[in-house]
């Protein structure tokens, strides 16, 4: 899921504003080996302003792109593999205990040392009484953090959970008066960059944190601008006003990939686009209605003709790439071939609706966010195929912040469309988020209100299992059960794409690049090198 709402701007107006920002933010240059003057400000586009630069209040994609270079964590992802960061290492003496060794040379951007107390506070603030943290679900087994982490129950995926906890300075958070991370506030940083400015209208500016213990990123400064409109984004990339962006919409790939000064990069797809039914509301509490809708989705045509092959039809929520640490690809393919699949079949759709409690049809209003027009296109295609059944979809575009708020707040949900981004490379990540009964609450993402006692038991058992083969077997059983129950229709797995100026080069782009300290993936282009050793 991604950040806050973004107002649309006229392309020319946006380009003028961005050019003014460019002039204001780039007085410094680096010299390439051939004498070329190179800007040291990386200008990055995100689709809208985060609600806050604090994962407690905003764990959206727009926020994470900034947070993952602003704050350090105990561990980080590196090419989908965990590696130590603020922790120099960890060990697990028993199923409920993890012992992390902290770096002795880490300091915050204000010069104060990063202490075990700061680390403990950074974790515990998300799970205290009355917490409304956006990442609380990742810490549900956590009991206590010191330098040693104690879990309430065994949790096979705990090793990934510190990825979601930026280490903050306790004194800074407690002294913020409840405005920590809000626009116009400048929090203390623990990562490779620190905040200079966060303006909800005009953008975010970071500068390199010279006190950071780790390596230096190539750019001295990073300036984030809010660009929701694809045409404005393409113009700004072509004109050199923006240097790059993550999360390109597949619909607009031809617009960006034909720009002469821009490279398009594709990564392994872990994202999901799905329809979600509120199972507590008529007519979606009727499985025949859900089957009728499932049979009305032309997945193969849509992925080839509308999103230009930047995705694949999905017969389950969990893309095959999630299993890379548990099962061989051939085994995953064989198991997925046995899952129930509702291929496009208008005749079967008519038969299912005729057998339902809504045989005469019905009308529904479905919203999609302004920053994901491809979701609107998917709904239009679905509406065309549902109309002959007597089902009318009224499709409306709403601001992104409002859309996210509806899903998180679970207010008035019926039939919804959602775009889900992976958080870590394990199949339980989406399975637990979508199908655990305990996640059918405000702020969590079982927005279908799906409850199945056997699924809950299987999810709990896999979480405590230490054998990867056992975990894989249990999770495959979950996907089989859910495929028969149809709490959602998985429309397609989306391959991620990004655009980057040819001035720069990005190494090993993947579906979780925005969860990495992505700034280290960027260096100067093949013919341009920073002159650090004259």
Protein backbone atom coordinates (compact mmCIF):
# COMPACT_ATOMS: atom_id res chain seq x y z
CA UNK A 1 0.00 0.00 0.00
CA UNK A 2 1.27 3.51 -0.58
CA UNK A 3 1.20 6.94 0.88
CA UNK A 4 -1.08 9.90 1.17
CA UNK A 5 -3.22 11.67 -1.39
CA UNK A 6 -1.58 13.59 -4.20
CA UNK A 7 -3.33 16.46 -5.97
CA UNK A 8 -3.03 16.48 -9.76
CA UNK A 9 -1.00 19.27 -11.30
CA UNK A 10 -0.89 20.68 -14.81
CA UNK A 11 2.25 19.26 -16.45
CA UNK A 12 3.66 22.69 -17.36
CA UNK A 13 2.95 24.04 -13.91
CA UNK A 14 4.64 21.05 -12.33
CA UNK A 15 7.69 21.31 -14.56
CA UNK A 16 8.11 25.00 -13.74
CA UNK A 17 7.86 24.27 -10.01
CA UNK A 18 10.26 21.34 -10.26
CA UNK A 19 12.78 23.41 -12.24
CA UNK A 20 12.69 26.11 -9.60
CA UNK A 21 13.28 23.46 -6.94
CA UNK A 22 16.11 22.04 -9.00
CA UNK A 23 17.85 25.40 -9.13
CA UNK A 24 17.36 25.94 -5.41
CA UNK A 25 18.62 22.52 -4.36
CA UNK A 26 21.64 21.96 -6.60
CA UNK A 27 24.37 24.54 -6.00
CA UNK A 28 26.94 21.77 -5.59
CA UNK A 29 28.39 19.54 -8.32
CA UNK A 30 30.73 16.60 -8.61
CA UNK A 31 33.39 16.29 -11.28
CA UNK A 32 33.53 13.17 -13.48
CA UNK A 33 36.83 11.79 -14.78
CA UNK A 34 36.19 13.45 -18.13
CA UNK A 35 35.69 16.83 -16.46
CA UNK A 36 31.87 16.80 -16.74
CA UNK A 37 30.09 18.66 -13.95
CA UNK A 38 27.63 16.31 -12.24
CA UNK A 39 24.80 17.34 -9.94
CA UNK A 40 25.02 15.78 -6.48
CA UNK A 41 21.31 16.19 -5.76
CA UNK A 42 19.24 13.14 -6.67
CA UNK A 43 15.70 14.27 -7.52
CA UNK A 44 13.21 11.48 -6.92
CA UNK A 45 9.49 11.39 -7.64
CA UNK A 46 6.89 9.82 -5.35
CA UNK A 47 3.18 9.84 -6.05
CA UNK A 48 2.10 11.87 -3.04
CA UNK A 49 3.13 13.25 0.36
CA UNK A 50 3.39 10.78 3.25
CA UNK A 51 1.02 11.46 6.11
CA UNK A 52 4.07 11.38 8.37
CA UNK A 53 7.73 10.39 8.22
CA UNK A 54 7.11 7.95 11.03
CA UNK A 55 6.27 4.32 10.33
CA UNK A 56 3.96 4.34 13.38
CA UNK A 57 1.60 6.61 11.46
CA UNK A 58 2.40 5.79 7.84
CA UNK A 59 3.87 2.55 6.45
CA UNK A 60 2.87 3.31 2.86
CA UNK A 61 5.18 3.01 -0.13
CA UNK A 62 5.58 6.78 -0.37
CA UNK A 63 6.69 6.92 3.24
CA UNK A 64 8.94 3.85 3.12
CA UNK A 65 10.94 5.14 0.14
CA UNK A 66 12.00 8.04 2.36
CA UNK A 67 12.14 6.24 5.71
CA UNK A 68 14.48 3.49 4.51
CA UNK A 69 17.27 5.99 3.86
CA UNK A 70 16.37 8.28 6.76
CA UNK A 71 16.51 5.63 9.51
CA UNK A 72 18.70 2.62 10.17
CA UNK A 73 17.42 -0.74 11.43
CA UNK A 74 18.88 -3.71 13.22
CA UNK A 75 18.91 -5.61 9.92
CA UNK A 76 18.36 -4.62 6.29
CA UNK A 77 17.56 -6.41 3.03
CA UNK A 78 20.32 -6.76 0.48
CA UNK A 79 19.21 -8.49 -2.74
CA UNK A 80 16.34 -10.08 -0.74
CA UNK A 81 18.81 -11.45 1.82
CA UNK A 82 19.04 -10.27 5.39
CA UNK A 83 22.27 -8.69 6.56
CA UNK A 84 23.22 -6.93 9.81
CA UNK A 85 23.12 -3.16 10.04
CA UNK A 86 22.80 -1.54 13.49
CA UNK A 87 23.14 -5.07 14.78
CA UNK A 88 26.52 -6.59 13.98
CA UNK A 89 24.93 -10.03 14.26
CA UNK A 90 22.35 -12.11 16.09
CA UNK A 91 21.84 -15.58 17.51
CA UNK A 92 18.85 -17.63 18.63
CA UNK A 93 19.57 -19.57 21.84
CA UNK A 94 15.99 -20.92 22.02
CA UNK A 95 12.74 -20.67 19.99
CA UNK A 96 11.57 -17.59 21.91
CA UNK A 97 14.79 -15.60 22.15
CA UNK A 98 16.97 -13.61 19.74
CA UNK A 99 20.12 -11.90 20.96
CA UNK A 100 21.35 -8.95 18.88
CA UNK A 101 24.83 -7.47 19.19
CA UNK A 102 24.69 -3.70 18.66
CA UNK A 103 27.30 -1.59 16.92
CA UNK A 104 29.42 0.51 19.22
CA UNK A 105 30.06 3.30 16.71
CA UNK A 106 26.49 4.23 15.73
CA UNK A 107 25.25 7.73 16.57
CA UNK A 108 22.15 9.71 15.69
CA UNK A 109 22.34 12.76 13.43
CA UNK A 110 22.44 14.98 16.54
CA UNK A 111 25.60 13.21 17.74
CA UNK A 112 24.02 11.22 20.57
CA UNK A 113 24.91 7.49 20.63
CA UNK A 114 22.39 4.87 19.52
CA UNK A 115 21.76 2.89 22.70
CA UNK A 116 20.03 -0.36 23.59
CA UNK A 117 17.37 1.78 25.29
CA UNK A 118 16.67 3.58 21.99
CA UNK A 119 16.38 0.25 20.19
CA UNK A 120 14.00 -1.12 22.82
CA UNK A 121 11.88 2.03 22.68
CA UNK A 122 11.78 1.88 18.88
CA UNK A 123 10.19 -1.57 19.04
CA UNK A 124 7.98 -1.23 22.09
CA UNK A 125 6.25 2.00 21.03
CA UNK A 126 4.45 0.01 18.35
CA UNK A 127 2.91 -2.60 20.64
CA UNK A 128 2.02 -0.64 23.78
CA UNK A 129 -1.51 -0.32 25.13
CA UNK A 130 -3.73 1.57 22.71
CA UNK A 131 -1.18 1.41 19.89
CA UNK A 132 -2.49 2.26 16.43
CA UNK A 133 0.86 1.63 14.74
CA UNK A 134 0.83 0.74 11.05
CA UNK A 135 3.41 -2.01 11.65
CA UNK A 136 1.98 -3.56 14.83
CA UNK A 137 1.00 -6.70 12.89
CA UNK A 138 4.66 -7.47 12.23
CA UNK A 139 5.39 -7.41 15.96
CA UNK A 140 2.44 -9.40 17.27
CA UNK A 141 4.65 -12.10 18.83
CA UNK A 142 7.00 -9.58 20.48
CA UNK A 143 7.04 -9.58 24.28
CA UNK A 144 10.07 -7.52 25.22
CA UNK A 145 13.04 -5.84 23.58
CA UNK A 146 16.31 -5.01 25.25
CA UNK A 147 19.45 -6.09 23.40
CA UNK A 148 17.78 -9.48 23.73
CA UNK A 149 14.39 -9.93 22.05
CA UNK A 150 11.86 -12.16 23.79
CA UNK A 151 8.90 -13.50 21.82
CA UNK A 152 5.55 -14.55 23.26
CA UNK A 153 5.33 -17.51 20.88
CA UNK A 154 7.71 -19.07 18.35
CA UNK A 155 7.69 -17.14 15.08
CA UNK A 156 9.51 -18.51 12.05
CA UNK A 157 9.45 -15.15 10.28
CA UNK A 158 10.62 -13.01 13.19
CA UNK A 159 14.01 -12.59 11.52
CA UNK A 160 12.34 -10.29 8.97
CA UNK A 161 10.35 -8.20 11.44
CA UNK A 162 13.18 -5.86 12.54
CA UNK A 163 13.14 -4.64 8.93
CA UNK A 164 9.98 -2.72 9.78
CA UNK A 165 11.27 -0.94 12.87
CA UNK A 166 13.29 2.20 12.15
CA UNK A 167 15.49 2.95 15.13
CA UNK A 168 14.49 6.34 16.51
CA UNK A 169 15.90 8.45 19.31
CA UNK A 170 13.67 8.00 22.37
CA UNK A 171 14.34 11.53 23.64
CA UNK A 172 13.37 13.02 20.26
CA UNK A 173 10.08 11.10 19.98
CA UNK A 174 9.01 11.77 23.56
CA UNK A 175 9.81 15.47 23.25
CA UNK A 176 7.82 15.94 20.02
CA UNK A 177 4.48 16.65 21.66
CA UNK A 178 2.74 14.07 19.49
CA UNK A 179 3.92 15.64 16.22
CA UNK A 180 6.84 13.30 15.60
CA UNK A 181 7.35 12.83 11.86
CA UNK A 182 4.60 15.31 10.88
CA UNK A 183 5.07 17.85 8.07
CA UNK A 184 7.25 20.81 9.07
CA UNK A 185 8.88 18.71 11.82
CA UNK A 186 12.56 17.66 11.51
CA UNK A 187 13.19 14.43 13.46
CA UNK A 188 16.62 13.15 14.44
CA UNK A 189 17.91 10.54 11.97
CA UNK A 190 19.72 7.24 12.50
CA UNK A 191 20.31 6.40 8.82
CA UNK A 192 22.59 7.48 5.99
CA UNK A 193 20.60 10.68 5.34
CA UNK A 194 18.89 13.25 7.54
CA UNK A 195 15.86 15.43 7.01
CA UNK A 196 16.16 19.09 6.06
CA UNK A 197 12.57 19.79 5.06
CA UNK A 198 9.21 17.98 4.92
CA UNK A 199 6.52 20.07 3.28
CA UNK A 200 3.20 18.36 2.52
CA UNK A 201 2.73 20.58 -0.53
CA UNK A 202 6.16 21.04 -2.09
CA UNK A 203 8.31 18.07 -1.19
CA UNK A 204 10.92 16.48 1.06
CA UNK A 205 14.63 17.25 1.17
CA UNK A 206 17.35 15.08 2.71
CA UNK A 207 21.09 15.63 3.05
CA UNK A 208 23.78 13.07 3.75
CA UNK A 209 24.16 12.31 7.47
CA UNK A 210 27.88 12.86 7.95
CA UNK A 211 27.72 11.15 11.36
CA UNK A 212 26.39 7.88 9.93
CA UNK A 213 28.65 4.91 10.67
CA UNK A 214 28.17 3.22 7.27
CA UNK A 215 29.15 3.91 3.70
CA UNK A 216 28.33 7.11 1.88
CA UNK A 217 25.66 7.19 -0.83
CA UNK A 218 26.55 8.80 -4.16
CA UNK A 219 24.20 11.82 -3.92
CA UNK A 220 24.92 14.48 -1.31
CA UNK A 221 21.26 15.45 -1.25
CA UNK A 222 17.97 13.73 -2.14
CA UNK A 223 14.94 15.84 -3.08
CA UNK A 224 11.53 14.12 -3.26
CA UNK A 225 8.75 15.75 -5.29
CA UNK A 226 5.11 14.65 -5.48
CA UNK A 227 4.10 13.70 -9.01
CA UNK A 228 0.87 11.76 -9.39
CA UNK A 229 0.22 12.48 -13.06
CA UNK A 230 2.15 10.16 -15.46
CA UNK A 231 2.35 12.82 -18.16
CA UNK A 232 3.95 15.30 -15.77
CA UNK A 233 6.34 12.62 -14.57
CA UNK A 234 7.40 11.70 -18.11
CA UNK A 235 7.99 15.37 -18.96
CA UNK A 236 10.08 15.92 -15.85
CA UNK A 237 12.20 12.82 -16.53
CA UNK A 238 12.70 13.74 -20.17
CA UNK A 239 13.73 17.25 -19.24
CA UNK A 240 16.11 16.17 -16.47
CA UNK A 241 14.01 17.82 -13.76
CA UNK A 242 13.51 14.42 -12.09
CA UNK A 243 16.15 11.67 -11.97
CA UNK A 244 14.00 8.68 -11.16
CA UNK A 245 10.96 7.07 -9.61
CA UNK A 246 9.82 3.70 -8.33
CA UNK A 247 6.53 1.95 -8.95
CA UNK A 248 5.74 2.88 -12.54
CA UNK A 249 2.22 1.92 -13.54
CA UNK A 250 2.27 -0.89 -16.15
CA UNK A 251 -0.30 1.00 -18.21
CA UNK A 252 2.15 3.83 -18.82
CA UNK A 253 5.29 1.80 -19.44
CA UNK A 254 5.42 2.68 -23.18
CA UNK A 255 5.30 6.37 -22.27
CA UNK A 256 8.47 6.11 -20.16
CA UNK A 257 10.42 3.39 -21.91
CA UNK A 258 10.61 5.36 -25.16
CA UNK A 259 12.26 8.40 -23.55
CA UNK A 260 15.79 8.78 -24.90
CA UNK A 261 17.43 9.94 -21.67
CA UNK A 262 15.65 7.43 -19.43
CA UNK A 263 16.11 3.73 -18.71
CA UNK A 264 13.26 1.44 -17.61
CA UNK A 265 14.12 -1.36 -15.20
CA UNK A 266 12.00 -4.40 -14.36
CA UNK A 267 12.20 -6.60 -11.27
CA UNK A 268 10.83 -9.93 -10.06
CA UNK A 269 7.12 -9.44 -9.39
CA UNK A 270 5.82 -9.89 -5.85
CA UNK A 271 3.05 -7.26 -5.93
CA UNK A 272 -0.60 -8.26 -6.20
CA UNK A 273 -3.74 -6.61 -7.55
CA UNK A 274 -6.91 -8.17 -6.18
CA UNK A 275 -10.64 -7.74 -5.68
CA UNK A 276 -11.70 -8.13 -2.07
CA UNK A 277 -15.19 -9.12 -0.93
CA UNK A 278 -16.63 -8.08 2.43
CA UNK A 279 -17.91 -11.52 3.43
CA UNK A 280 -20.15 -9.98 6.10
CA UNK A 281 -22.19 -8.05 3.53
CA UNK A 282 -24.79 -9.24 1.02
CA UNK A 283 -24.39 -10.32 -1.72
CA UNK A 284 -20.70 -11.14 -1.15
CA UNK A 285 -21.57 -13.56 1.66
CA UNK A 286 -22.90 -15.79 -1.15
CA UNK A 287 -20.13 -17.91 -2.68
CA UNK A 288 -22.05 -18.21 -5.96
CA UNK A 289 -21.83 -14.42 -6.39
CA UNK A 290 -18.11 -14.53 -5.69
CA UNK A 291 -17.64 -17.32 -8.23
CA UNK A 292 -19.67 -15.41 -10.85
CA UNK A 293 -17.39 -12.42 -10.46
CA UNK A 294 -14.27 -14.61 -10.54
CA UNK A 295 -15.37 -16.21 -13.84
CA UNK A 296 -15.93 -12.71 -15.30
CA UNK A 297 -12.30 -11.59 -15.05
CA UNK A 298 -10.29 -11.96 -18.35
CA UNK A 299 -6.85 -12.16 -16.73
CA UNK A 300 -4.83 -13.31 -19.75
CA UNK A 301 -6.18 -10.61 -22.07
CA UNK A 302 -5.75 -7.87 -19.48
CA UNK A 303 -2.15 -8.68 -18.62
CA UNK A 304 -1.13 -8.89 -22.27
CA UNK A 305 -3.13 -6.09 -23.85
CA UNK A 306 -3.57 -3.50 -21.10
CA UNK A 307 -0.44 -3.74 -18.95
CA UNK A 308 1.79 -4.87 -21.82
CA UNK A 309 2.97 -8.11 -20.26
CA UNK A 310 4.17 -6.45 -17.03
CA UNK A 311 2.23 -8.97 -14.97
CA UNK A 312 0.86 -12.50 -14.91
CA UNK A 313 -2.60 -13.93 -14.13
CA UNK A 314 -2.77 -14.87 -10.47
CA UNK A 315 -4.58 -17.90 -9.08
CA UNK A 316 -3.56 -17.11 -5.49
CA UNK A 317 -2.38 -14.11 -3.50
CA UNK A 318 1.19 -15.34 -3.05
CA UNK A 319 3.36 -14.95 -6.15
CA UNK A 320 5.77 -17.85 -6.85
CA UNK A 321 8.80 -15.72 -5.98
CA UNK A 322 7.84 -15.68 -2.31
CA UNK A 323 8.81 -19.36 -2.02
CA UNK A 324 12.44 -18.96 -3.10
CA UNK A 325 13.78 -19.70 0.41
CA UNK A 326 11.44 -22.64 1.03
CA UNK A 327 10.79 -24.65 -2.15
CA UNK A 328 12.30 -25.27 -5.60
CA UNK A 329 10.55 -23.39 -8.41
CA UNK A 330 9.41 -26.64 -10.06
CA UNK A 331 7.69 -27.77 -6.86
CA UNK A 332 5.92 -24.43 -6.53
CA UNK A 333 4.73 -24.63 -10.14
CA UNK A 334 3.35 -28.15 -9.61
CA UNK A 335 1.56 -27.14 -6.39
CA UNK A 336 0.08 -24.02 -8.00
CA UNK A 337 -1.21 -26.10 -10.91
CA UNK A 338 -3.38 -27.98 -8.40
CA UNK A 339 -5.01 -24.84 -7.00
CA UNK A 340 -8.58 -24.08 -8.17
CA UNK A 341 -8.48 -21.58 -11.00
CA UNK A 342 -11.42 -19.51 -12.21
CA UNK A 343 -10.43 -18.81 -15.80
CA UNK A 344 -12.55 -16.37 -17.81
CA UNK A 345 -15.82 -18.15 -18.61
CA UNK A 346 -18.97 -16.02 -19.15
CA UNK A 347 -21.22 -19.08 -19.32
CA UNK A 348 -20.06 -20.38 -15.95
CA UNK A 349 -20.44 -16.87 -14.57
CA UNK A 350 -24.12 -16.80 -15.64
CA UNK A 351 -24.72 -20.23 -14.12
CA UNK A 352 -23.17 -19.24 -10.79
CA UNK A 353 -25.15 -16.01 -10.54
CA UNK A 354 -28.37 -17.85 -11.42
CA UNK A 355 -27.73 -20.19 -8.48
CA UNK A 356 -27.16 -17.28 -6.08
CA UNK A 357 -29.33 -15.10 -3.88
CA UNK A 358 -28.64 -12.21 -6.30
CA UNK A 359 -29.86 -13.96 -9.46
CA UNK A 360 -31.50 -10.77 -10.75
CA UNK A 361 -28.28 -8.82 -10.37
CA UNK A 362 -27.31 -5.85 -8.24
CA UNK A 363 -25.39 -2.57 -8.33
CA UNK A 364 -22.19 -1.67 -6.50
CA UNK A 365 -19.93 1.37 -6.29
CA UNK A 366 -16.21 0.57 -6.35
CA UNK A 367 -13.47 3.12 -5.70
CA UNK A 368 -9.90 3.23 -6.95
CA UNK A 369 -7.11 5.67 -6.03
CA UNK A 370 -6.09 8.52 -8.31
CA UNK A 371 -2.43 7.48 -8.26
CA UNK A 372 -3.20 3.98 -9.64
CA UNK A 373 -5.19 4.52 -12.85
CA UNK A 374 -4.49 0.94 -13.89
CA UNK A 375 -6.85 -0.20 -11.13
CA UNK A 376 -9.57 1.90 -12.72
CA UNK A 377 -8.86 0.24 -16.05
CA UNK A 378 -9.16 -3.19 -14.45
CA UNK A 379 -12.53 -2.21 -12.97
CA UNK A 380 -13.75 -0.94 -16.34
CA UNK A 381 -12.87 -4.26 -17.98
CA UNK A 382 -14.59 -6.17 -15.18
CA UNK A 383 -17.67 -3.93 -15.40
CA UNK A 384 -18.04 -4.67 -19.11
CA UNK A 385 -18.08 -8.39 -18.41
CA UNK A 386 -20.45 -8.15 -15.42
CA UNK A 387 -23.02 -5.98 -17.21
CA UNK A 388 -24.56 -8.89 -19.19
CA UNK A 389 -25.19 -10.64 -15.87
CA UNK A 390 -27.18 -7.70 -14.53
CA UNK A 391 -24.37 -6.56 -12.21
CA UNK A 392 -23.66 -2.84 -12.48
CA UNK A 393 -20.34 -1.50 -11.27
CA UNK A 394 -20.25 2.25 -10.66
CA UNK A 395 -16.57 3.15 -10.71
CA UNK A 396 -15.22 6.26 -9.04
CA UNK A 397 -11.75 7.71 -8.68
CA UNK A 398 -10.91 9.08 -5.22
CA UNK A 399 -7.80 10.64 -3.65
CA UNK A 400 -5.22 8.11 -2.55
CA UNK A 401 -5.29 9.13 1.09
CA UNK A 402 -9.04 8.65 1.21
CA UNK A 403 -8.75 5.24 -0.45
CA UNK A 404 -6.11 4.04 2.01
CA UNK A 405 -8.16 5.41 4.89
CA UNK A 406 -11.24 3.48 3.78
CA UNK A 407 -9.37 0.19 3.63
CA UNK A 408 -7.49 0.70 6.89
CA UNK A 409 -10.58 1.99 8.72
CA UNK A 410 -12.83 -0.72 7.22
CA UNK A 411 -15.72 1.70 6.95
CA UNK A 412 -18.56 0.78 4.60
CA UNK A 413 -16.60 -1.78 2.59
CA UNK A 414 -18.31 -3.99 0.03
CA UNK A 415 -16.46 -4.88 -3.15
CA UNK A 416 -12.99 -3.31 -3.16
CA UNK A 417 -9.95 -3.28 -5.42
CA UNK A 418 -6.52 -3.15 -3.85
CA UNK A 419 -2.86 -3.06 -4.80
CA UNK A 420 -0.63 -4.94 -2.38
CA UNK A 421 3.14 -4.64 -2.14
CA UNK A 422 5.23 -7.34 -0.49
CA UNK A 423 7.03 -6.48 2.73
CA UNK A 424 9.44 -9.42 2.96
CA UNK A 425 10.20 -12.52 0.85
CA UNK A 426 8.22 -15.23 2.64
CA UNK A 427 4.84 -16.74 1.59
CA UNK A 428 3.36 -16.29 5.05
CA UNK A 429 3.59 -12.50 4.68
CA UNK A 430 0.46 -12.11 2.54
CA UNK A 431 -1.22 -15.30 3.77
CA UNK A 432 -1.27 -14.08 7.37
CA UNK A 433 -2.14 -10.48 6.49
CA UNK A 434 -5.12 -11.45 4.33
CA UNK A 435 -6.50 -14.60 5.93
CA UNK A 436 -5.73 -14.74 9.65
CA UNK A 437 -8.93 -14.10 11.60
CA UNK A 438 -6.99 -11.96 14.07
CA UNK A 439 -6.25 -9.51 11.23
CA UNK A 440 -9.93 -8.79 10.56
CA UNK A 441 -9.70 -5.58 12.61
CA UNK A 442 -9.17 -1.90 11.87
CA UNK A 443 -5.66 -1.11 10.73
CA UNK A 444 -5.01 -4.64 9.43
CA UNK A 445 -5.59 -6.08 5.98
CA UNK A 446 -7.97 -9.00 6.32
CA UNK A 447 -10.52 -6.55 4.93
CA UNK A 448 -12.66 -9.41 3.60
CA UNK A 449 -13.44 -10.34 7.23
CA UNK A 450 -12.43 -13.88 6.36
CA UNK A 451 -12.62 -16.37 9.24
CA UNK A 452 -11.72 -20.05 8.92
CA UNK A 453 -10.70 -21.94 12.05
CA UNK A 454 -8.61 -24.49 10.14
CA UNK A 455 -6.75 -21.74 8.28
CA UNK A 456 -6.02 -20.01 11.60
CA UNK A 457 -4.62 -23.24 13.06
CA UNK A 458 -2.45 -23.89 10.01
CA UNK A 459 -1.10 -20.34 10.08
CA UNK A 460 -0.31 -20.57 13.78
CA UNK A 461 1.40 -23.95 13.32
CA UNK A 462 3.61 -22.77 10.45
CA UNK A 463 4.63 -19.71 12.43
CA UNK A 464 6.04 -21.95 15.18
CA UNK A 465 7.65 -24.49 12.82
CA UNK A 466 11.41 -24.49 12.37
CA UNK A 467 11.50 -26.92 9.42
CA UNK A 468 11.14 -25.08 6.07
CA UNK A 469 9.53 -28.11 4.41
CA UNK A 470 6.89 -28.30 7.13
CA UNK A 471 6.18 -24.60 6.83
CA UNK A 472 5.83 -24.90 3.05
CA UNK A 473 3.37 -27.79 3.35
CA UNK A 474 1.21 -25.94 5.86
CA UNK A 475 1.15 -22.75 3.81
CA UNK A 476 0.22 -24.60 0.64
CA UNK A 477 -2.71 -26.10 2.52
CA UNK A 478 -3.83 -22.59 3.46
CA UNK A 479 -3.74 -21.46 -0.16
CA UNK A 480 -5.76 -24.52 -1.22
CA UNK A 481 -8.48 -23.83 1.35
CA UNK A 482 -8.65 -20.14 0.58
CA UNK A 483 -8.84 -20.78 -3.17
CA UNK A 484 -12.05 -22.75 -2.56
CA UNK A 485 -13.53 -20.16 -0.21
CA UNK A 486 -12.82 -17.17 -2.53
CA UNK A 487 -12.61 -14.27 -0.07
CA UNK A 488 -10.90 -12.38 -2.88
CA UNK A 489 -10.27 -12.64 -6.61
CA UNK A 490 -6.57 -12.28 -7.38
CA UNK A 491 -6.47 -10.37 -10.65
CA UNK A 492 -2.75 -10.47 -11.45
CA UNK A 493 0.76 -10.43 -10.02
CA UNK A 494 2.38 -7.18 -11.05
CA UNK A 495 6.01 -6.93 -12.07
CA UNK A 496 7.61 -3.81 -10.58
CA UNK A 497 9.19 -1.23 -12.83
CA UNK A 498 11.16 1.94 -12.27
CA UNK A 499 12.48 4.75 -14.45
CA UNK A 500 15.93 6.25 -14.00
CA UNK A 501 17.93 8.96 -15.74
CA UNK A 502 20.82 7.67 -17.81
CA UNK A 503 23.07 9.82 -15.62
CA UNK A 504 22.70 7.12 -12.98
CA UNK A 505 22.82 3.33 -12.79
CA UNK A 506 20.72 1.14 -10.48
CA UNK A 507 22.02 -2.26 -9.41
CA UNK A 508 19.78 -5.31 -8.94
CA UNK A 509 16.32 -3.78 -8.97
CA UNK A 510 13.76 -6.18 -7.47
CA UNK A 511 10.24 -6.28 -6.12
CA UNK A 512 11.41 -5.23 -2.64
CA UNK A 513 13.90 -2.54 -3.61
CA UNK A 514 11.94 0.08 -1.71
CA UNK A 515 12.38 -2.01 1.47
CA UNK A 516 16.16 -1.86 1.04
CA UNK A 517 18.53 1.03 1.67
CA UNK A 518 18.00 1.66 -2.00
CA UNK A 519 20.22 4.72 -2.10
CA UNK A 520 23.26 2.39 -2.14
CA UNK A 521 21.96 0.73 -5.32
CA UNK A 522 22.46 3.96 -7.23
CA UNK A 523 25.71 5.16 -8.69
CA UNK A 524 26.74 7.27 -11.63
CA UNK A 525 26.21 5.95 -15.14
CA UNK A 526 28.63 3.70 -16.97
CA UNK A 527 30.68 6.57 -18.44
CA UNK A 528 30.49 8.76 -15.34
CA UNK A 529 32.40 8.14 -12.14
CA UNK A 530 32.69 10.23 -9.03
CA UNK A 531 36.24 11.51 -8.73
CA UNK A 532 37.07 10.35 -5.24
CA UNK A 533 40.70 9.43 -6.06
CA UNK A 534 42.14 12.10 -8.35
